[in-house]
Amino acid sequence: MRNFAPLSVFLILFSCQEIKFKEPQPIETPVLNSFPTELIGSYYDLKRNDTLIVNPTTFTFGNKSSLTFISAGLSDSVILKAKDHVYYLNLFDKEKKLWNLIVFRNDVVSNLHVSLFVIENNEQVEKIKAITPLEPVLNEEKEIDYYIAQPNELELKQIVSQQLFSKSTELKKIIKQ
């Protein structure tokens, strides 16, 4: 895998501050060796021209507008976990030695809701801080570059259920005929 985490490409498209983690999330949940059957397939988002292809052990994300394409396989630096029908894709940022997190959820018609752990405003910061501490990391200009969180499983569940992360998109499953 390249020296950057695939989440970085998503964030270039969205321009937000990340929430990073010291350990893959949820902490006490076992690692899955493959994507579950219900996630495998091809998905698209017409608004942003995004495509996502999920195979048993790999995923490929593409954005036709920006000509951005990334592909990664499950490994020591790309870890998938599941808890209560929510899937957590943990991507290791080799440069920062921290984990990025993408959350996947299926709805009743097999559409995939993809959420990134990013923050757009102070209101979100305060809501998350009310659940779990956030440690700001500053860049060279002394501005907040990203945050580090270490939630326990209950705190992470609260953040996910309250959808306190910013970027979420719905991808429609392509049904083969």
C-alpha atoms as a PDB file:
ATOM      1  CA  MET A   1       0.000   0.000   0.000  1.00  0.00           C
ATOM      2  CA  ARG A   2       1.154   3.544  -0.655  1.00  0.00           C
ATOM      3  CA  ASN A   3       2.604   5.730   2.108  1.00  0.00           C
ATOM      4  CA  PHE A   4      -0.699   7.594   2.534  1.00  0.00           C
ATOM      5  CA  ALA A   5      -3.939   6.287   3.876  1.00  0.00           C
ATOM      6  CA  PRO A   6      -6.818   6.071   1.370  1.00  0.00           C
ATOM      7  CA  LEU A   7      -8.881   8.299   3.661  1.00  0.00           C
ATOM      8  CA  SER A   8      -6.596  11.204   2.747  1.00  0.00           C
ATOM      9  CA  VAL A   9      -7.977  11.112  -0.789  1.00  0.00           C
ATOM     10  CA  PHE A  10     -11.546  11.236   0.546  1.00  0.00           C
ATOM     11  CA  LEU A  11     -10.627  14.224   2.711  1.00  0.00           C
ATOM     12  CA  ILE A  12      -9.091  16.112  -0.204  1.00  0.00           C
ATOM     13  CA  LEU A  13     -12.510  15.844  -1.829  1.00  0.00           C
ATOM     14  CA  PHE A  14     -14.289  17.059   1.311  1.00  0.00           C
ATOM     15  CA  SER A  15     -11.776  19.521   2.954  1.00  0.00           C
ATOM     16  CA  CYS A  16     -12.314  18.735   6.652  1.00  0.00           C
ATOM     17  CA  GLN A  17     -10.365  18.044   9.850  1.00  0.00           C
ATOM     18  CA  GLU A  18      -9.948  14.385  10.637  1.00  0.00           C
ATOM     19  CA  ILE A  19     -10.525  12.507  13.844  1.00  0.00           C
ATOM     20  CA  LYS A  20      -7.771   9.920  14.176  1.00  0.00           C
ATOM     21  CA  PHE A  21      -7.452   7.033  16.594  1.00  0.00           C
ATOM     22  CA  LYS A  22      -4.510   5.397  18.364  1.00  0.00           C
ATOM     23  CA  GLU A  23      -6.000   1.923  17.859  1.00  0.00           C
ATOM     24  CA  PRO A  24      -8.346   0.341  15.291  1.00  0.00           C
ATOM     25  CA  GLN A  25     -11.988   0.866  16.280  1.00  0.00           C
ATOM     26  CA  PRO A  26     -13.996  -0.501  18.032  1.00  0.00           C
ATOM     27  CA  ILE A  27     -11.162  -1.471  20.364  1.00  0.00           C
ATOM     28  CA  GLU A  28     -12.476  -4.770  21.789  1.00  0.00           C
ATOM     29  CA  THR A  29     -14.075  -5.985  18.555  1.00  0.00           C
ATOM     30  CA  PRO A  30     -12.370  -8.782  16.566  1.00  0.00           C
ATOM     31  CA  VAL A  31     -10.926  -8.152  13.099  1.00  0.00           C
ATOM     32  CA  LEU A  32     -12.790  -9.547  10.078  1.00  0.00           C
ATOM     33  CA  ASN A  33     -10.782 -11.339   7.380  1.00  0.00           C
ATOM     34  CA  SER A  34     -13.172 -10.342   4.591  1.00  0.00           C
ATOM     35  CA  PHE A  35     -16.033  -8.012   3.787  1.00  0.00           C
ATOM     36  CA  PRO A  36     -19.397  -9.602   4.609  1.00  0.00           C
ATOM     37  CA  THR A  37     -21.596 -10.795   1.765  1.00  0.00           C
ATOM     38  CA  GLU A  38     -24.113  -7.984   2.285  1.00  0.00           C
ATOM     39  CA  LEU A  39     -21.436  -5.350   1.560  1.00  0.00           C
ATOM     40  CA  ILE A  40     -19.941  -7.004  -1.512  1.00  0.00           C
ATOM     41  CA  GLY A  41     -20.980  -5.307  -4.719  1.00  0.00           C
ATOM     42  CA  SER A  42     -20.757  -2.114  -6.739  1.00  0.00           C
ATOM     43  CA  TYR A  43     -22.167   1.202  -5.542  1.00  0.00           C
ATOM     44  CA  TYR A  44     -22.500   4.684  -7.007  1.00  0.00           C
ATOM     45  CA  ASP A  45     -23.404   8.251  -6.036  1.00  0.00           C
ATOM     46  CA  LEU A  46     -24.733  10.259  -8.970  1.00  0.00           C
ATOM     47  CA  LYS A  47     -24.295  13.625  -7.219  1.00  0.00           C
ATOM     48  CA  ARG A  48     -20.526  13.326  -6.888  1.00  0.00           C
ATOM     49  CA  ASN A  49     -19.810  10.669  -9.525  1.00  0.00           C
ATOM     50  CA  ASP A  50     -18.359   8.426  -6.820  1.00  0.00           C
ATOM     51  CA  THR A  51     -18.119   4.691  -7.275  1.00  0.00           C
ATOM     52  CA  LEU A  52     -17.223   2.072  -4.717  1.00  0.00           C
ATOM     53  CA  ILE A  53     -16.542  -1.558  -5.528  1.00  0.00           C
ATOM     54  CA  VAL A  54     -16.344  -3.967  -2.595  1.00  0.00           C
ATOM     55  CA  ASN A  55     -14.901  -7.443  -3.159  1.00  0.00           C
ATOM     56  CA  PRO A  56     -14.344 -10.091  -0.480  1.00  0.00           C
ATOM     57  CA  THR A  57     -10.932  -8.720   0.592  1.00  0.00           C
ATOM     58  CA  THR A  58     -10.490  -5.448  -1.336  1.00  0.00           C
ATOM     59  CA  PHE A  59     -12.274  -2.205  -2.089  1.00  0.00           C
ATOM     60  CA  THR A  60     -11.837   0.369  -4.860  1.00  0.00           C
ATOM     61  CA  PHE A  61     -13.060   3.948  -4.653  1.00  0.00           C
ATOM     62  CA  GLY A  62     -13.286   6.177  -7.707  1.00  0.00           C
ATOM     63  CA  ASN A  63     -14.374   9.739  -8.384  1.00  0.00           C
ATOM     64  CA  LYS A  64     -14.746  10.494 -12.098  1.00  0.00           C
ATOM     65  CA  SER A  65     -14.890  14.273 -11.570  1.00  0.00           C
ATOM     66  CA  SER A  66     -11.503  14.469  -9.884  1.00  0.00           C
ATOM     67  CA  LEU A  67     -10.049  11.375 -11.599  1.00  0.00           C
ATOM     68  CA  THR A  68      -9.247   9.976  -8.151  1.00  0.00           C
ATOM     69  CA  PHE A  69      -9.018   6.216  -7.835  1.00  0.00           C
ATOM     70  CA  ILE A  70      -7.752   4.240  -4.871  1.00  0.00           C
ATOM     71  CA  SER A  71      -7.724   0.561  -4.158  1.00  0.00           C
ATOM     72  CA  ALA A  72      -6.754  -1.284  -0.998  1.00  0.00           C
ATOM     73  CA  GLY A  73      -6.965  -4.766   0.410  1.00  0.00           C
ATOM     74  CA  LEU A  74      -7.553  -5.881   3.961  1.00  0.00           C
ATOM     75  CA  SER A  75      -4.180  -6.144   5.697  1.00  0.00           C
ATOM     76  CA  ASP A  76      -2.311  -5.057   8.820  1.00  0.00           C
ATOM     77  CA  SER A  77      -2.858  -1.429   7.746  1.00  0.00           C
ATOM     78  CA  VAL A  78      -6.460  -1.794   6.465  1.00  0.00           C
ATOM     79  CA  ILE A  79      -8.584  -3.448   9.155  1.00  0.00           C
ATOM     80  CA  LEU A  80     -12.302  -4.200   9.033  1.00  0.00           C
ATOM     81  CA  LYS A  81     -14.411  -4.694  12.155  1.00  0.00           C
ATOM     82  CA  ALA A  82     -18.159  -5.057  12.703  1.00  0.00           C
ATOM     83  CA  LYS A  83     -20.409  -4.378  15.658  1.00  0.00           C
ATOM     84  CA  ASP A  84     -24.226  -4.253  15.734  1.00  0.00           C
ATOM     85  CA  HIS A  85     -24.558  -4.274  11.908  1.00  0.00           C
ATOM     86  CA  VAL A  86     -22.153  -1.327  11.559  1.00  0.00           C
ATOM     87  CA  TYR A  87     -18.860  -1.880   9.720  1.00  0.00           C
ATOM     88  CA  TYR A  88     -15.696  -0.017  10.681  1.00  0.00           C
ATOM     89  CA  LEU A  89     -12.926   0.263   8.116  1.00  0.00           C
ATOM     90  CA  ASN A  90      -9.726   1.334   9.874  1.00  0.00           C
ATOM     91  CA  LEU A  91      -6.963   2.772   7.680  1.00  0.00           C
ATOM     92  CA  PHE A  92      -3.479   3.240   9.111  1.00  0.00           C
ATOM     93  CA  ASP A  93      -1.831   6.592   8.420  1.00  0.00           C
ATOM     94  CA  LYS A  94       1.852   5.600   8.236  1.00  0.00           C
ATOM     95  CA  GLU A  95       3.071   9.195   8.419  1.00  0.00           C
ATOM     96  CA  LYS A  96       1.182  10.053  11.608  1.00  0.00           C
ATOM     97  CA  LYS A  97       1.155   6.513  13.029  1.00  0.00           C
ATOM     98  CA  LEU A  98      -2.585   6.800  13.742  1.00  0.00           C
ATOM     99  CA  TRP A  99      -5.789   5.218  12.423  1.00  0.00           C
ATOM    100  CA  ASN A 100      -8.456   6.855  10.249  1.00  0.00           C
ATOM    101  CA  LEU A 101     -11.965   5.466  10.337  1.00  0.00           C
ATOM    102  CA  ILE A 102     -14.727   5.012   7.755  1.00  0.00           C
ATOM    103  CA  VAL A 103     -18.122   3.681   8.891  1.00  0.00           C
ATOM    104  CA  PHE A 104     -20.360   1.639   6.553  1.00  0.00           C
ATOM    105  CA  ARG A 105     -24.036   0.834   7.120  1.00  0.00           C
ATOM    106  CA  ASN A 106     -26.540  -0.882   4.825  1.00  0.00           C
ATOM    107  CA  ASP A 107     -30.139   0.254   4.727  1.00  0.00           C
ATOM    108  CA  VAL A 108     -33.192  -1.893   3.984  1.00  0.00           C
ATOM    109  CA  VAL A 109     -32.821  -1.525   0.194  1.00  0.00           C
ATOM    110  CA  SER A 110     -29.082  -2.400   0.202  1.00  0.00           C
ATOM    111  CA  ASN A 111     -27.860   1.162  -0.236  1.00  0.00           C
ATOM    112  CA  LEU A 112     -24.593   1.813   1.549  1.00  0.00           C
ATOM    113  CA  HIS A 113     -24.197   4.769   3.894  1.00  0.00           C
ATOM    114  CA  VAL A 114     -20.534   5.759   4.165  1.00  0.00           C
ATOM    115  CA  SER A 115     -19.442   8.120   6.934  1.00  0.00           C
ATOM    116  CA  LEU A 116     -16.061   9.691   7.573  1.00  0.00           C
ATOM    117  CA  PHE A 117     -14.834  10.739  10.999  1.00  0.00           C
ATOM    118  CA  VAL A 118     -14.219  14.389  10.224  1.00  0.00           C
ATOM    119  CA  ILE A 119     -15.211  17.654  11.891  1.00  0.00           C
ATOM    120  CA  GLU A 120     -16.470  20.798  10.179  1.00  0.00           C
ATOM    121  CA  ASN A 121     -17.273  23.094  13.110  1.00  0.00           C
ATOM    122  CA  ASN A 122     -16.852  23.764  16.838  1.00  0.00           C
ATOM    123  CA  GLU A 123     -20.376  22.566  17.618  1.00  0.00           C
ATOM    124  CA  GLN A 124     -19.406  19.056  16.500  1.00  0.00           C
ATOM    125  CA  VAL A 125     -16.197  19.247  18.553  1.00  0.00           C
ATOM    126  CA  GLU A 126     -18.168  20.143  21.682  1.00  0.00           C
ATOM    127  CA  LYS A 127     -20.739  17.383  21.136  1.00  0.00           C
ATOM    128  CA  ILE A 128     -18.024  14.760  20.716  1.00  0.00           C
ATOM    129  CA  LYS A 129     -16.066  16.147  23.707  1.00  0.00           C
ATOM    130  CA  ALA A 130     -19.219  15.675  25.798  1.00  0.00           C
ATOM    131  CA  ILE A 131     -18.901  11.940  25.033  1.00  0.00           C
ATOM    132  CA  THR A 132     -15.131  11.364  24.876  1.00  0.00           C
ATOM    133  CA  PRO A 133     -11.999  13.536  25.091  1.00  0.00           C
ATOM    134  CA  LEU A 134     -10.530  14.936  21.858  1.00  0.00           C
ATOM    135  CA  GLU A 135      -6.872  15.877  21.705  1.00  0.00           C
ATOM    136  CA  PRO A 136      -6.168  18.602  19.121  1.00  0.00           C
ATOM    137  CA  VAL A 137      -2.922  18.276  17.133  1.00  0.00           C
ATOM    138  CA  LEU A 138      -1.560  21.541  15.755  1.00  0.00           C
ATOM    139  CA  ASN A 139       0.180  22.123  12.435  1.00  0.00           C
ATOM    140  CA  GLU A 140       3.185  24.404  11.818  1.00  0.00           C
ATOM    141  CA  GLU A 141       0.905  27.467  11.721  1.00  0.00           C
ATOM    142  CA  LYS A 142      -0.388  26.543  15.217  1.00  0.00           C
ATOM    143  CA  GLU A 143      -3.834  25.737  13.808  1.00  0.00           C
ATOM    144  CA  ILE A 144      -5.682  22.505  14.537  1.00  0.00           C
ATOM    145  CA  ASP A 145      -4.631  19.961  11.936  1.00  0.00           C
ATOM    146  CA  TYR A 146      -6.588  16.978  13.282  1.00  0.00           C
ATOM    147  CA  TYR A 147      -7.899  15.469  16.508  1.00  0.00           C
ATOM    148  CA  ILE A 148      -7.016  12.248  18.317  1.00  0.00           C
ATOM    149  CA  ALA A 149      -9.793  10.311  20.057  1.00  0.00           C
ATOM    150  CA  GLN A 150      -9.606   7.176  22.223  1.00  0.00           C
ATOM    151  CA  PRO A 151     -13.238   6.246  22.832  1.00  0.00           C
ATOM    152  CA  ASN A 152     -14.293   3.069  24.536  1.00  0.00           C
ATOM    153  CA  GLU A 153     -16.859   0.923  22.697  1.00  0.00           C
ATOM    154  CA  LEU A 154     -19.856   2.596  24.342  1.00  0.00           C
ATOM    155  CA  GLU A 155     -18.558   6.092  23.525  1.00  0.00           C
ATOM    156  CA  LEU A 156     -17.880   5.121  19.911  1.00  0.00           C
ATOM    157  CA  LYS A 157     -21.378   3.642  19.646  1.00  0.00           C
ATOM    158  CA  GLN A 158     -22.839   6.933  20.934  1.00  0.00           C
ATOM    159  CA  ILE A 159     -20.850   8.985  18.417  1.00  0.00           C
ATOM    160  CA  VAL A 160     -21.880   6.705  15.549  1.00  0.00           C
ATOM    161  CA  SER A 161     -25.551   6.466  16.571  1.00  0.00           C
ATOM    162  CA  GLN A 162     -25.781  10.265  16.956  1.00  0.00           C
ATOM    163  CA  GLN A 163     -23.946  10.719  13.629  1.00  0.00           C
ATOM    164  CA  LEU A 164     -21.578  13.303  15.102  1.00  0.00           C
ATOM    165  CA  PHE A 165     -19.146  12.971  12.210  1.00  0.00           C
ATOM    166  CA  SER A 166     -19.539  15.310   9.265  1.00  0.00           C
ATOM    167  CA  LYS A 167     -19.294  13.625   5.953  1.00  0.00           C
ATOM    168  CA  SER A 168     -21.781  10.966   5.100  1.00  0.00           C
ATOM    169  CA  THR A 169     -22.928   9.875   1.696  1.00  0.00           C
ATOM    170  CA  GLU A 170     -25.410   7.343   0.414  1.00  0.00           C
ATOM    171  CA  LEU A 171     -24.218   5.065  -2.348  1.00  0.00           C
ATOM    172  CA  LYS A 172     -26.804   3.142  -4.346  1.00  0.00           C
ATOM    173  CA  LYS A 173     -26.115  -0.515  -4.969  1.00  0.00           C
ATOM    174  CA  ILE A 174     -25.894  -1.449  -8.636  1.00  0.00           C
ATOM    175  CA  ILE A 175     -28.165  -4.431  -9.160  1.00  0.00           C
ATOM    176  CA  LYS A 176     -26.923  -6.838 -11.823  1.00  0.00           C
ATOM    177  CA  GLN A 177     -29.637  -8.039 -14.154  1.00  0.00           C
END
